[in-house]
Amino acid sequence: MWLDEEIVENYPNLSAQAQNLLLLFPTSYLVECAFSAVADILTIKRGSLDITERGDLCLKLTKLVPDVKTLVQKHQAQGSH
């Protein structure tokens, strides 16, 4: 539906957002990367696997690199109650 030419023409912003949200694996290349990442996680981290909680799969599929140093510097400890 969101790839329909008429919808894309009439609602370009909504169509683009829907495609980004709904089409998580737009190419077979990303699907293969996902399967490879899961296989890697299953073999290397078998005992501590928790893809949904730790976000391991998302990190394997993105090109974003977290700036850990900046994140640590900006972290504020929870104050006492």
N, C-alpha and C. Protein backbone atom coordinates (compact mmCIF):
# COMPACT_ATOMS: atom_id res chain seq x y z
N MET A 1 0.81 -1.18 0.00
CA MET A 1 0.00 0.00 0.00
C MET A 1 0.87 1.27 0.00
N TRP A 2 1.86 1.33 0.88
CA TRP A 2 2.68 2.54 0.99
C TRP A 2 3.63 2.71 -0.18
N LEU A 3 3.78 1.69 -0.99
CA LEU A 3 4.63 1.79 -2.17
C LEU A 3 3.83 2.16 -3.42
N ASP A 4 2.51 2.20 -3.28
CA ASP A 4 1.64 2.55 -4.39
C ASP A 4 1.98 3.96 -4.88
N GLU A 5 2.13 4.11 -6.19
CA GLU A 5 2.56 5.38 -6.78
C GLU A 5 1.63 6.54 -6.41
N GLU A 6 0.34 6.28 -6.42
CA GLU A 6 -0.63 7.34 -6.11
C GLU A 6 -0.50 7.81 -4.65
N ILE A 7 -0.31 6.88 -3.75
CA ILE A 7 -0.16 7.24 -2.33
C ILE A 7 1.15 7.99 -2.12
N VAL A 8 2.21 7.54 -2.77
CA VAL A 8 3.50 8.22 -2.64
C VAL A 8 3.40 9.66 -3.15
N GLU A 9 2.68 9.86 -4.25
CA GLU A 9 2.52 11.21 -4.80
C GLU A 9 1.65 12.09 -3.91
N ASN A 10 0.56 11.53 -3.38
CA ASN A 10 -0.36 12.33 -2.57
C ASN A 10 0.12 12.54 -1.14
N TYR A 11 0.84 11.59 -0.60
CA TYR A 11 1.30 11.66 0.79
C TYR A 11 2.78 11.30 0.88
N PRO A 12 3.66 12.12 0.31
CA PRO A 12 5.08 11.75 0.25
C PRO A 12 5.74 11.59 1.62
N ASN A 13 5.46 12.50 2.55
CA ASN A 13 6.08 12.42 3.88
C ASN A 13 5.58 11.21 4.66
N LEU A 14 4.26 11.03 4.67
CA LEU A 14 3.68 9.91 5.39
C LEU A 14 4.14 8.58 4.78
N SER A 15 4.19 8.53 3.47
CA SER A 15 4.63 7.33 2.78
C SER A 15 6.08 6.99 3.13
N ALA A 16 6.94 8.01 3.15
CA ALA A 16 8.35 7.79 3.48
C ALA A 16 8.51 7.29 4.91
N GLN A 17 7.76 7.90 5.83
CA GLN A 17 7.85 7.47 7.23
C GLN A 17 7.33 6.04 7.40
N ALA A 18 6.24 5.73 6.73
CA ALA A 18 5.68 4.38 6.82
C ALA A 18 6.65 3.35 6.25
N GLN A 19 7.30 3.68 5.14
CA GLN A 19 8.26 2.76 4.55
C GLN A 19 9.44 2.53 5.48
N ASN A 20 9.93 3.59 6.10
CA ASN A 20 11.05 3.44 7.04
C ASN A 20 10.67 2.60 8.24
N LEU A 21 9.45 2.74 8.70
CA LEU A 21 9.00 2.01 9.88
C LEU A 21 8.63 0.57 9.56
N LEU A 22 7.93 0.37 8.46
CA LEU A 22 7.38 -0.95 8.15
C LEU A 22 8.31 -1.84 7.35
N LEU A 23 9.21 -1.27 6.60
CA LEU A 23 10.11 -2.06 5.77
C LEU A 23 11.46 -2.18 6.46
N LEU A 24 11.54 -3.02 7.48
CA LEU A 24 12.77 -3.16 8.24
C LEU A 24 13.89 -3.78 7.42
N PHE A 25 13.54 -4.69 6.54
CA PHE A 25 14.54 -5.37 5.73
C PHE A 25 14.20 -5.18 4.25
N PRO A 26 14.49 -3.99 3.70
CA PRO A 26 14.08 -3.69 2.33
C PRO A 26 14.84 -4.47 1.26
N THR A 27 15.97 -5.05 1.60
CA THR A 27 16.71 -5.81 0.60
C THR A 27 17.09 -7.17 1.17
N SER A 28 17.35 -8.10 0.29
CA SER A 28 17.76 -9.43 0.74
C SER A 28 19.14 -9.37 1.40
N TYR A 29 19.94 -8.36 1.04
CA TYR A 29 21.25 -8.21 1.66
C TYR A 29 21.12 -8.00 3.17
N LEU A 30 20.18 -7.12 3.57
CA LEU A 30 19.98 -6.89 5.00
C LEU A 30 19.43 -8.12 5.70
N VAL A 31 18.60 -8.87 5.01
CA VAL A 31 18.09 -10.11 5.60
C VAL A 31 19.23 -11.08 5.85
N GLU A 32 20.12 -11.21 4.87
CA GLU A 32 21.28 -12.08 5.04
C GLU A 32 22.17 -11.59 6.17
N CYS A 33 22.35 -10.28 6.28
CA CYS A 33 23.14 -9.73 7.38
C CYS A 33 22.50 -10.06 8.72
N ALA A 34 21.18 -9.96 8.76
CA ALA A 34 20.47 -10.26 10.01
C ALA A 34 20.65 -11.72 10.39
N PHE A 35 20.50 -12.63 9.44
CA PHE A 35 20.68 -14.04 9.74
C PHE A 35 22.11 -14.34 10.18
N SER A 36 23.07 -13.71 9.52
CA SER A 36 24.46 -13.91 9.90
C SER A 36 24.72 -13.37 11.30
N ALA A 37 24.14 -12.21 11.60
CA ALA A 37 24.32 -11.62 12.93
C ALA A 37 23.72 -12.52 14.01
N VAL A 38 22.54 -13.05 13.75
CA VAL A 38 21.91 -13.95 14.73
C VAL A 38 22.74 -15.21 14.90
N ALA A 39 23.23 -15.76 13.81
CA ALA A 39 24.07 -16.96 13.90
C ALA A 39 25.32 -16.67 14.71
N ASP A 40 25.92 -15.50 14.49
CA ASP A 40 27.10 -15.10 15.24
C ASP A 40 26.78 -14.97 16.73
N ILE A 41 25.68 -14.31 17.03
CA ILE A 41 25.28 -14.12 18.42
C ILE A 41 25.01 -15.47 19.08
N LEU A 42 24.34 -16.36 18.37
CA LEU A 42 24.01 -17.66 18.94
C LEU A 42 25.24 -18.49 19.24
N THR A 43 26.26 -18.41 18.39
CA THR A 43 27.44 -19.23 18.62
C THR A 43 28.40 -18.61 19.62
N ILE A 44 28.59 -17.29 19.54
CA ILE A 44 29.56 -16.64 20.41
C ILE A 44 29.00 -16.36 21.80
N LYS A 45 27.76 -15.92 21.86
CA LYS A 45 27.18 -15.51 23.14
C LYS A 45 26.05 -16.44 23.56
N ARG A 46 26.18 -17.67 23.27
CA ARG A 46 25.11 -18.64 23.50
C ARG A 46 24.55 -18.58 24.91
N GLY A 47 25.41 -18.51 25.91
CA GLY A 47 24.96 -18.56 27.29
C GLY A 47 24.27 -17.30 27.77
N SER A 48 24.57 -16.17 27.16
CA SER A 48 24.00 -14.92 27.64
C SER A 48 23.15 -14.23 26.57
N LEU A 49 22.54 -15.01 25.71
CA LEU A 49 21.77 -14.45 24.60
C LEU A 49 20.48 -13.80 25.09
N ASP A 50 20.29 -12.57 24.73
CA ASP A 50 19.04 -11.86 25.00
C ASP A 50 18.93 -10.73 23.99
N ILE A 51 18.60 -11.08 22.76
CA ILE A 51 18.59 -10.12 21.66
C ILE A 51 17.64 -8.96 21.94
N THR A 52 16.44 -9.26 22.44
CA THR A 52 15.46 -8.19 22.61
C THR A 52 15.83 -7.23 23.72
N GLU A 53 16.44 -7.71 24.76
CA GLU A 53 16.80 -6.84 25.89
C GLU A 53 18.05 -6.03 25.59
N ARG A 54 19.07 -6.65 25.04
CA ARG A 54 20.37 -5.99 24.88
C ARG A 54 20.53 -5.29 23.55
N GLY A 55 19.67 -5.57 22.59
CA GLY A 55 19.76 -4.89 21.31
C GLY A 55 20.93 -5.36 20.46
N ASP A 56 21.42 -6.57 20.71
CA ASP A 56 22.57 -7.06 19.96
C ASP A 56 22.32 -7.07 18.46
N LEU A 57 21.15 -7.51 18.04
CA LEU A 57 20.84 -7.61 16.62
C LEU A 57 20.82 -6.23 15.97
N CYS A 58 20.24 -5.26 16.63
CA CYS A 58 20.20 -3.90 16.07
C CYS A 58 21.61 -3.34 15.90
N LEU A 59 22.47 -3.60 16.85
CA LEU A 59 23.84 -3.10 16.74
C LEU A 59 24.57 -3.76 15.59
N LYS A 60 24.28 -5.02 15.33
CA LYS A 60 24.94 -5.72 14.23
C LYS A 60 24.48 -5.20 12.87
N LEU A 61 23.26 -4.68 12.79
CA LEU A 61 22.69 -4.29 11.50
C LEU A 61 22.82 -2.81 11.19
N THR A 62 23.32 -2.02 12.12
CA THR A 62 23.43 -0.59 11.88
C THR A 62 24.87 -0.19 11.65
N LYS A 63 25.03 0.93 10.98
CA LYS A 63 26.38 1.46 10.76
C LYS A 63 26.73 2.50 11.82
N LEU A 64 25.80 2.77 12.72
CA LEU A 64 26.05 3.73 13.78
C LEU A 64 27.04 3.16 14.78
N VAL A 65 27.94 4.01 15.21
CA VAL A 65 28.92 3.60 16.21
C VAL A 65 28.69 4.48 17.44
N PRO A 66 28.34 3.89 18.58
CA PRO A 66 28.08 4.70 19.76
C PRO A 66 29.35 5.38 20.26
N ASP A 67 29.23 6.61 20.69
CA ASP A 67 30.34 7.35 21.27
C ASP A 67 30.31 7.09 22.77
N VAL A 68 30.89 5.98 23.17
CA VAL A 68 30.83 5.52 24.55
C VAL A 68 31.46 6.52 25.50
N LYS A 69 32.56 7.12 25.10
CA LYS A 69 33.25 8.08 25.97
C LYS A 69 32.33 9.26 26.32
N THR A 70 31.66 9.82 25.31
CA THR A 70 30.75 10.94 25.55
C THR A 70 29.55 10.50 26.37
N LEU A 71 29.03 9.32 26.08
CA LEU A 71 27.89 8.81 26.85
C LEU A 71 28.25 8.64 28.32
N VAL A 72 29.43 8.12 28.59
CA VAL A 72 29.87 7.93 29.97
C VAL A 72 30.04 9.27 30.67
N GLN A 73 30.59 10.25 29.96
CA GLN A 73 30.80 11.57 30.56
C GLN A 73 29.47 12.26 30.88
N LYS A 74 28.46 12.03 30.05
CA LYS A 74 27.17 12.68 30.26
C LYS A 74 26.28 11.92 31.24
N HIS A 75 26.67 10.71 31.61
CA HIS A 75 25.86 9.90 32.52
C HIS A 75 25.81 10.55 33.90
N GLN A 76 24.62 10.62 34.45
CA GLN A 76 24.47 11.16 35.80
C GLN A 76 23.96 10.04 36.69
N ALA A 77 24.66 9.84 37.78
CA ALA A 77 24.24 8.82 38.72
C ALA A 77 22.91 9.22 39.34
N GLN A 78 22.10 8.23 39.65
CA GLN A 78 20.81 8.50 40.28
C GLN A 78 21.05 8.97 41.71
N GLY A 79 20.48 10.10 42.05
CA GLY A 79 20.65 10.65 43.39
C GLY A 79 19.91 9.82 44.43
N SER A 80 20.30 9.98 45.68
CA SER A 80 19.62 9.24 46.74
C SER A 80 18.23 9.82 46.96
N HIS A 81 17.34 9.00 47.45
CA HIS A 81 15.94 9.42 47.64
C HIS A 81 15.70 9.90 49.03
